[in-house]
Amino acid sequence: MTHPGWVSLLPPLLAIALAIWTRQVYLSLAAGVWAGATILAGWNPVAGLGGAIERTVTVFADAGNTRVILFTMVIGALIATIESSGGVRGFVDWVERRRLVTSPRGARLLAFAVGVVIFIESNITVLVSGAIARPLFDRYRISREKLAYLVDSTSAPICILIPLNAWGAYILALLAGVGVRDPLGVFAGSIPLNLYALAAVVLAGTVAVTGLSLGPMRRAEERTRGGMLLWENAKPLLDPDVLSPQPTTRIPPRAVNMLLPVAVMVLTMPIGLLVTGGGDIRAGSGSTSVLWAVGAGLAAAWILLLLQRGATVDELTATGLKGAGGLVPMALVLLLALAIGGVARDLGTGPYVAGLTAGRVPAWVFVPLVFLIAAFIAFSTGTSWGTFAIM
């Protein structure tokens, strides 16, 4: 069964409904994979269970998927290494000594600025910006929810507006693959029309400047000002003790221990795109370049600490493994999201939804309808890149 029509909507809808109802992301995604595999197995739930396991394992058959999951683990090792080196604490101290951040507004603007500057890949933006800004947000009693909003709203929305990064390389490759003669020109021409991304960045900047809080965000801010960083029954996806180890006492906190590895990572990204693209940055492999960039950043952090005698190789290895382990939950979510995306692809979810409106709606309705369809597909499959390919 390859084109089950409306039935293809059931797996993503089940995953979404379960996630909202149970707040158990692993269970919800796994149930969506199982439901899709069951449909593909002719509604045999036992065969569907085996199919779900096989489809999850098959995620690793795609080299790009494997690189993205590996990158998630390596970025965990990098963040833990930078934290243990005193790099984040040194950066925060450096910022405050120069009075660059002296208020909640300054902390919000820093998170916004870091998200804008580190545009090489959305996951890197989220993790690095979060690690840098979190201590300042806690110090000035700004909610973690607001930090998450600012970080997320300056990750993918910024990445999609810039062609010279992993996102740009992927989109240019898609455009070239469907016969577009000038992919870079088309991409550049689409930037002013990318109203969602532009609006997200503008709104995030407004929140950073004004501290605007509405609805649940206002309640989160009130909770944090009262001294509670998290809600009483909150269960963070990542263990903060794993990704925020105590800095070494052998050397003083130094901002360079954070800034240099991050700079190396950012600069390695376009180099990787050039190398993997055979001299054409537009043809480069985004997943390969991202993995190289994070690996180069981790190597720079190790070299710095070894030269400063702040840690031994054994200690660095232990810290890196602990940090990588701390991101296993995120890697598992990514794995299941890729698996349900693969199931949705085999069921024809994207083409079915897109085909519902083909030639049946007036032109003035078509553009907003395409946006809503793309939003549904992205929310259902958990991948922007998969949505790009489908649409």
Protein backbone atom coordinates (compact mmCIF):
# COMPACT_ATOMS: atom_id res chain seq x y z
CA MET A 1 0.00 0.00 0.00
CA THR A 2 1.75 3.12 -1.19
CA HIS A 3 -1.04 5.66 -1.67
CA PRO A 4 -3.70 5.17 1.03
CA GLY A 5 -5.17 8.65 0.60
CA TRP A 6 -6.65 10.24 3.70
CA VAL A 7 -5.44 7.33 5.84
CA SER A 8 -1.91 8.66 5.36
CA LEU A 9 -2.85 11.51 7.71
CA LEU A 10 -3.47 9.17 10.65
CA PRO A 11 0.14 8.54 11.82
CA PRO A 12 1.14 12.22 12.13
CA LEU A 13 -2.24 13.14 13.61
CA LEU A 14 -1.91 10.31 16.16
CA ALA A 15 1.59 11.48 17.12
CA ILE A 16 0.41 15.08 17.50
CA ALA A 17 -2.68 14.14 19.53
CA LEU A 18 -0.73 11.83 21.84
CA ALA A 19 1.99 14.43 22.37
CA ILE A 20 -0.60 17.02 23.40
CA TRP A 21 -2.54 14.57 25.59
CA THR A 22 0.27 12.64 27.31
CA ARG A 23 3.20 15.07 26.96
CA GLN A 24 5.32 11.99 26.28
CA VAL A 25 7.25 12.83 23.13
CA TYR A 26 9.01 9.45 22.74
CA LEU A 27 5.80 7.46 23.15
CA SER A 28 3.92 9.75 20.77
CA LEU A 29 6.48 9.60 17.98
CA ALA A 30 6.95 5.85 18.38
CA ALA A 31 3.17 5.35 18.21
CA GLY A 32 3.07 7.38 15.01
CA VAL A 33 5.81 5.24 13.46
CA TRP A 34 4.00 2.04 14.52
CA ALA A 35 0.66 3.28 13.15
CA GLY A 36 2.22 4.14 9.80
CA ALA A 37 4.05 0.81 9.60
CA THR A 38 0.80 -0.99 10.48
CA ILE A 39 -1.02 0.74 7.62
CA LEU A 40 1.80 -0.16 5.23
CA ALA A 41 1.62 -3.79 6.46
CA GLY A 42 -2.04 -4.05 5.47
CA TRP A 43 -3.35 -3.13 8.92
CA ASN A 44 -1.48 -6.00 10.61
CA PRO A 45 -0.41 -4.57 14.00
CA VAL A 46 2.10 -7.35 14.70
CA ALA A 47 3.78 -6.93 11.34
CA GLY A 48 3.53 -3.19 11.93
CA LEU A 49 5.59 -3.51 15.11
CA GLY A 50 8.37 -5.26 13.25
CA GLY A 51 8.07 -2.75 10.44
CA ALA A 52 8.31 0.17 12.87
CA ILE A 53 11.54 -1.21 14.34
CA GLU A 54 12.96 -1.84 10.88
CA ARG A 55 12.02 1.64 9.65
CA THR A 56 13.64 3.23 12.69
CA VAL A 57 16.84 1.28 12.04
CA THR A 58 16.65 2.19 8.34
CA VAL A 59 17.03 5.87 9.27
CA PHE A 60 20.76 5.16 9.53
CA ALA A 61 20.84 3.89 5.95
CA ASP A 62 20.80 7.52 4.85
CA ALA A 63 24.27 9.00 5.35
CA GLY A 64 22.83 12.48 5.83
CA ASN A 65 20.55 11.30 8.64
CA THR A 66 23.45 9.51 10.33
CA ARG A 67 25.60 12.63 10.15
CA VAL A 68 22.86 14.77 11.70
CA ILE A 69 22.42 12.34 14.60
CA LEU A 70 26.21 12.13 15.08
CA PHE A 71 26.41 15.91 14.97
CA THR A 72 23.87 16.06 17.81
CA MET A 73 26.14 13.90 19.97
CA VAL A 74 29.31 15.81 19.06
CA ILE A 75 27.71 19.20 19.80
CA GLY A 76 26.84 17.81 23.24
CA ALA A 77 30.51 16.94 23.76
CA LEU A 78 31.53 20.42 22.56
CA ILE A 79 29.14 22.27 24.88
CA ALA A 80 30.17 20.15 27.88
CA THR A 81 33.85 20.77 27.08
CA ILE A 82 33.36 24.53 26.77
CA GLU A 83 31.38 24.60 30.02
CA SER A 84 34.00 22.55 31.89
CA SER A 85 36.80 24.75 30.54
CA GLY A 86 35.25 27.81 32.18
CA GLY A 87 34.61 29.31 28.75
CA VAL A 88 30.96 30.18 29.34
CA ARG A 89 31.64 31.58 32.80
CA GLY A 90 34.61 33.52 31.42
CA PHE A 91 32.45 34.95 28.63
CA VAL A 92 29.73 35.99 31.07
CA ASP A 93 32.32 37.62 33.35
CA TRP A 94 33.90 39.37 30.34
CA VAL A 95 30.52 40.68 29.19
CA GLU A 96 29.69 41.99 32.66
CA ARG A 97 33.13 43.54 33.28
CA ARG A 98 32.67 45.61 30.14
CA ARG A 99 29.09 46.32 31.16
CA LEU A 100 27.82 44.93 27.87
CA VAL A 101 24.96 43.27 29.75
CA THR A 102 23.69 45.07 32.84
CA SER A 103 19.96 44.42 32.69
CA PRO A 104 17.33 41.88 31.66
CA ARG A 105 17.02 43.70 28.33
CA GLY A 106 20.74 43.27 27.73
CA ALA A 107 20.49 39.54 28.42
CA ARG A 108 17.58 39.19 26.00
CA LEU A 109 19.42 41.17 23.32
CA LEU A 110 22.51 38.99 23.77
CA ALA A 111 20.47 35.83 23.20
CA PHE A 112 18.90 37.42 20.12
CA ALA A 113 22.26 38.62 18.75
CA VAL A 114 23.99 35.26 19.22
CA GLY A 115 21.11 33.54 17.44
CA VAL A 116 21.45 35.93 14.51
CA VAL A 117 25.26 35.66 14.26
CA ILE A 118 25.57 31.86 14.52
CA PHE A 119 23.56 31.01 11.42
CA ILE A 120 25.40 27.97 10.09
CA GLU A 121 22.77 25.42 11.17
CA SER A 122 19.61 25.66 13.26
CA ASN A 123 20.50 22.99 15.84
CA ILE A 124 23.91 24.58 16.44
CA THR A 125 22.23 27.95 16.89
CA VAL A 126 19.81 26.57 19.47
CA LEU A 127 22.41 24.72 21.53
CA VAL A 128 25.20 27.31 21.46
CA SER A 129 22.94 30.33 21.98
CA GLY A 130 21.15 28.55 24.81
CA ALA A 131 24.40 27.60 26.54
CA ILE A 132 25.75 31.16 26.31
CA ALA A 133 22.62 33.02 27.40
CA ARG A 134 21.24 30.65 30.04
CA PRO A 135 23.47 31.85 32.93
CA LEU A 136 22.54 35.49 32.26
CA PHE A 137 18.84 34.70 31.99
CA ASP A 138 18.99 32.88 35.32
CA ARG A 139 20.92 35.73 36.90
CA TYR A 140 18.41 38.36 35.80
CA ARG A 141 15.44 36.09 36.51
CA ILE A 142 14.16 35.84 32.96
CA SER A 143 12.19 32.69 32.27
CA ARG A 144 13.70 29.72 30.49
CA GLU A 145 10.60 29.80 28.30
CA LYS A 146 11.52 33.25 27.00
CA LEU A 147 15.07 32.08 26.36
CA ALA A 148 13.70 29.09 24.43
CA TYR A 149 11.46 31.38 22.38
CA LEU A 150 14.27 33.80 21.49
CA VAL A 151 16.70 31.00 20.68
CA ASP A 152 14.21 29.10 18.54
CA SER A 153 12.99 32.21 16.71
CA THR A 154 16.54 33.10 15.68
CA SER A 155 17.57 29.60 14.57
CA ALA A 156 15.58 28.25 11.62
CA PRO A 157 14.08 31.66 10.65
CA ILE A 158 17.58 33.13 10.33
CA CYS A 159 19.08 30.04 8.66
CA ILE A 160 16.37 30.00 5.97
CA LEU A 161 17.16 33.61 5.02
CA ILE A 162 20.88 33.03 4.36
CA PRO A 163 22.08 30.94 1.39
CA LEU A 164 25.65 30.30 2.62
CA ASN A 165 24.93 27.72 5.30
CA ALA A 166 23.65 24.14 5.60
CA TRP A 167 20.05 25.18 4.92
CA GLY A 168 20.99 27.26 1.90
CA ALA A 169 23.10 24.49 0.40
CA TYR A 170 20.23 22.02 0.76
CA ILE A 171 17.63 24.34 -0.77
CA LEU A 172 19.92 25.25 -3.67
CA ALA A 173 20.45 21.54 -4.34
CA LEU A 174 16.67 20.96 -4.34
CA LEU A 175 16.11 23.84 -6.76
CA ALA A 176 18.83 22.58 -9.08
CA GLY A 177 17.35 19.08 -8.89
CA VAL A 178 13.97 20.22 -10.21
CA GLY A 179 15.53 22.05 -13.14
CA VAL A 180 15.81 25.64 -11.90
CA ARG A 181 18.51 27.29 -14.02
CA ASP A 182 19.57 29.92 -11.48
CA PRO A 183 19.02 28.41 -8.01
CA LEU A 184 20.92 31.14 -6.18
CA GLY A 185 19.00 33.89 -7.96
CA VAL A 186 15.67 32.23 -7.18
CA PHE A 187 16.69 31.74 -3.55
CA ALA A 188 17.82 35.36 -3.22
CA GLY A 189 14.60 36.57 -4.85
CA SER A 190 12.51 34.54 -2.41
CA ILE A 191 14.07 36.09 0.71
CA PRO A 192 11.87 39.25 0.76
CA LEU A 193 8.83 37.01 0.26
CA ASN A 194 9.66 34.71 3.17
CA LEU A 195 7.21 36.58 5.36
CA TYR A 196 6.97 33.96 8.11
CA ALA A 197 10.72 33.91 8.76
CA LEU A 198 10.98 37.70 8.56
CA ALA A 199 8.02 38.16 10.90
CA ALA A 200 9.46 35.63 13.37
CA VAL A 201 12.78 37.49 13.50
CA VAL A 202 11.11 40.90 13.85
CA LEU A 203 8.82 39.66 16.62
CA ALA A 204 11.75 38.03 18.44
CA GLY A 205 13.66 41.31 18.21
CA THR A 206 10.64 43.15 19.59
CA VAL A 207 10.41 40.74 22.52
CA ALA A 208 14.16 41.11 23.15
CA VAL A 209 13.89 44.91 23.28
CA THR A 210 10.59 45.29 25.13
CA GLY A 211 10.36 42.10 27.19
CA LEU A 212 6.85 41.54 25.84
CA SER A 213 5.08 38.62 27.53
CA LEU A 214 1.62 37.30 26.71
CA GLY A 215 -0.48 34.49 28.16
CA PRO A 216 1.56 31.50 29.38
CA MET A 217 4.81 33.44 28.85
CA ARG A 218 3.63 36.07 31.33
CA ARG A 219 2.95 33.37 33.92
CA ALA A 220 6.39 31.87 33.29
CA GLU A 221 7.98 35.29 33.83
CA GLU A 222 6.09 35.75 37.10
CA ARG A 223 7.20 32.30 38.26
CA THR A 224 10.85 33.05 37.49
CA ARG A 225 10.77 36.43 39.22
CA GLY A 226 9.49 34.54 42.26
CA GLY A 227 12.64 32.40 42.27
CA MET A 228 11.42 29.27 40.43
CA LEU A 229 13.40 28.55 37.25
CA LEU A 230 11.05 25.72 36.26
CA TRP A 231 7.50 24.67 37.03
CA GLU A 232 7.21 22.28 39.96
CA ASN A 233 6.46 19.19 37.85
CA ALA A 234 8.59 20.16 34.86
CA LYS A 235 10.78 17.43 33.36
CA PRO A 236 13.58 18.95 31.25
CA LEU A 237 14.44 16.91 28.18
CA LEU A 238 18.16 17.27 28.92
CA ASP A 239 19.88 16.85 32.28
CA PRO A 240 21.41 20.26 33.13
CA ASP A 241 24.09 18.60 35.26
CA VAL A 242 25.37 16.73 32.22
CA LEU A 243 25.62 19.72 29.86
CA SER A 244 26.62 22.20 32.59
CA PRO A 245 29.51 20.58 34.48
CA GLN A 246 31.42 22.54 37.06
CA PRO A 247 34.28 24.50 35.43
CA THR A 248 37.82 23.33 36.13
CA THR A 249 39.66 25.03 38.99
CA ARG A 250 43.10 24.51 37.43
CA ILE A 251 42.80 27.59 35.24
CA PRO A 252 40.79 30.81 35.60
CA PRO A 253 37.60 31.23 33.53
CA ARG A 254 38.55 32.60 30.12
CA ALA A 255 36.22 33.88 27.41
CA VAL A 256 38.62 32.65 24.72
CA ASN A 257 37.86 29.06 25.74
CA MET A 258 34.35 29.62 24.40
CA LEU A 259 34.88 32.20 21.67
CA LEU A 260 37.68 30.41 19.80
CA PRO A 261 35.95 27.00 19.44
CA VAL A 262 32.72 28.72 18.35
CA ALA A 263 34.63 30.88 15.84
CA VAL A 264 36.42 27.82 14.45
CA MET A 265 33.07 26.05 14.10
CA VAL A 266 31.45 28.99 12.28
CA LEU A 267 34.41 29.47 9.91
CA THR A 268 34.71 25.77 9.11
CA MET A 269 31.14 25.61 7.82
CA PRO A 270 31.63 27.56 4.54
CA ILE A 271 34.98 25.82 4.03
CA GLY A 272 33.21 22.48 4.32
CA LEU A 273 30.57 23.57 1.81
CA LEU A 274 33.31 24.61 -0.63
CA VAL A 275 35.23 21.35 -0.25
CA THR A 276 32.21 19.04 -0.47
CA GLY A 277 30.84 21.06 -3.37
CA GLY A 278 34.04 20.75 -5.39
CA GLY A 279 34.65 24.49 -5.19
CA ASP A 280 30.98 25.41 -5.59
CA ILE A 281 29.54 26.36 -2.20
CA ARG A 282 26.01 25.98 -3.60
CA ALA A 283 26.61 22.29 -4.30
CA GLY A 284 28.12 21.47 -0.90
CA SER A 285 26.81 18.88 1.54
CA GLY A 286 25.17 20.61 4.49
CA SER A 287 25.19 17.57 6.78
CA THR A 288 28.85 16.78 6.09
CA SER A 289 29.92 20.40 6.55
CA VAL A 290 28.02 20.71 9.83
CA LEU A 291 29.66 17.56 11.19
CA TRP A 292 33.09 18.84 10.14
CA ALA A 293 32.40 22.22 11.71
CA VAL A 294 31.37 20.78 15.07
CA GLY A 295 34.30 18.37 15.03
CA ALA A 296 36.70 21.24 14.31
CA GLY A 297 35.21 23.26 17.16
CA LEU A 298 35.62 20.33 19.55
CA ALA A 299 39.22 19.83 18.43
CA ALA A 300 39.95 23.53 19.02
CA ALA A 301 38.47 23.33 22.52
CA TRP A 302 40.60 20.28 23.33
CA ILE A 303 43.80 21.88 22.03
CA LEU A 304 43.17 25.04 24.04
CA LEU A 305 42.64 23.13 27.27
CA LEU A 306 45.67 20.91 26.71
CA LEU A 307 47.90 23.91 25.98
CA GLN A 308 46.61 25.67 29.12
CA ARG A 309 47.03 22.43 31.12
CA GLY A 310 43.44 22.75 32.22
CA ALA A 311 42.65 19.08 31.62
CA THR A 312 44.21 15.78 30.60
CA VAL A 313 43.21 13.75 27.56
CA ASP A 314 41.44 11.25 29.81
CA GLU A 315 39.46 14.05 31.49
CA LEU A 316 38.55 15.60 28.15
CA THR A 317 37.39 12.22 26.86
CA ALA A 318 35.25 11.64 29.95
CA THR A 319 33.72 15.12 29.70
CA GLY A 320 33.03 14.69 25.99
CA LEU A 321 31.36 11.32 26.47
CA LYS A 322 29.27 12.69 29.31
CA GLY A 323 28.18 15.64 27.17
CA ALA A 324 27.38 13.39 24.22
CA GLY A 325 25.37 11.18 26.55
CA GLY A 326 23.46 14.21 27.75
CA LEU A 327 22.12 14.73 24.25
CA VAL A 328 20.98 11.14 23.74
CA PRO A 329 17.36 12.19 24.48
CA MET A 330 17.54 14.81 21.73
CA ALA A 331 19.14 12.30 19.36
CA LEU A 332 16.34 9.83 20.13
CA VAL A 333 13.68 12.45 19.36
CA LEU A 334 15.49 13.23 16.11
CA LEU A 335 15.71 9.52 15.24
CA LEU A 336 11.98 8.96 15.81
CA ALA A 337 11.10 12.17 13.94
CA LEU A 338 13.14 10.99 10.95
CA ALA A 339 11.46 7.57 11.19
CA ILE A 340 7.94 9.03 11.20
CA GLY A 341 8.99 11.32 8.36
CA GLY A 342 10.06 8.25 6.38
CA VAL A 343 6.75 6.54 7.10
CA ALA A 344 4.87 9.66 6.00
CA ARG A 345 6.90 9.71 2.80
CA ASP A 346 6.10 6.06 2.04
CA LEU A 347 2.42 6.67 2.76
CA GLY A 348 2.43 9.67 0.45
CA THR A 349 1.22 12.07 3.16
CA GLY A 350 2.87 15.14 1.65
CA PRO A 351 1.80 14.59 -1.96
CA TYR A 352 -1.72 13.70 -0.81
CA VAL A 353 -2.12 16.90 1.20
CA ALA A 354 -0.55 18.99 -1.56
CA GLY A 355 -2.73 17.33 -4.19
CA LEU A 356 -5.94 18.14 -2.36
CA THR A 357 -5.76 21.73 -3.57
CA ALA A 358 -4.13 21.30 -6.98
CA GLY A 359 -6.18 23.25 -9.51
CA ARG A 360 -9.14 23.56 -7.15
CA VAL A 361 -8.61 26.92 -5.49
CA PRO A 362 -8.38 30.50 -6.83
CA ALA A 363 -4.93 32.05 -7.16
CA TRP A 364 -5.39 34.52 -4.31
CA VAL A 365 -6.06 31.64 -1.91
CA PHE A 366 -3.29 29.41 -3.23
CA VAL A 367 -0.27 31.06 -1.57
CA PRO A 368 -1.65 31.14 2.01
CA LEU A 369 -3.02 27.63 1.50
CA VAL A 370 0.40 26.37 0.43
CA PHE A 371 1.82 27.94 3.60
CA LEU A 372 -0.75 26.18 5.80
CA ILE A 373 -0.18 22.86 4.06
CA ALA A 374 3.59 23.20 4.44
CA ALA A 375 3.13 24.08 8.12
CA PHE A 376 0.99 20.97 8.67
CA ILE A 377 3.50 18.73 6.89
CA ALA A 378 6.41 20.20 8.87
CA PHE A 379 4.54 19.79 12.16
CA SER A 380 3.52 16.23 11.22
CA THR A 381 6.90 14.99 10.03
CA GLY A 382 9.10 17.02 12.37
CA THR A 383 11.46 18.12 9.63
CA SER A 384 11.69 21.38 7.71
CA TRP A 385 14.07 19.84 5.20
CA GLY A 386 11.67 16.99 4.48
CA THR A 387 8.90 19.54 3.95
CA PHE A 388 11.07 21.44 1.46
CA ALA A 389 11.55 18.25 -0.55
CA ILE A 390 7.84 17.35 -0.47
CA MET A 391 6.58 20.80 -1.43
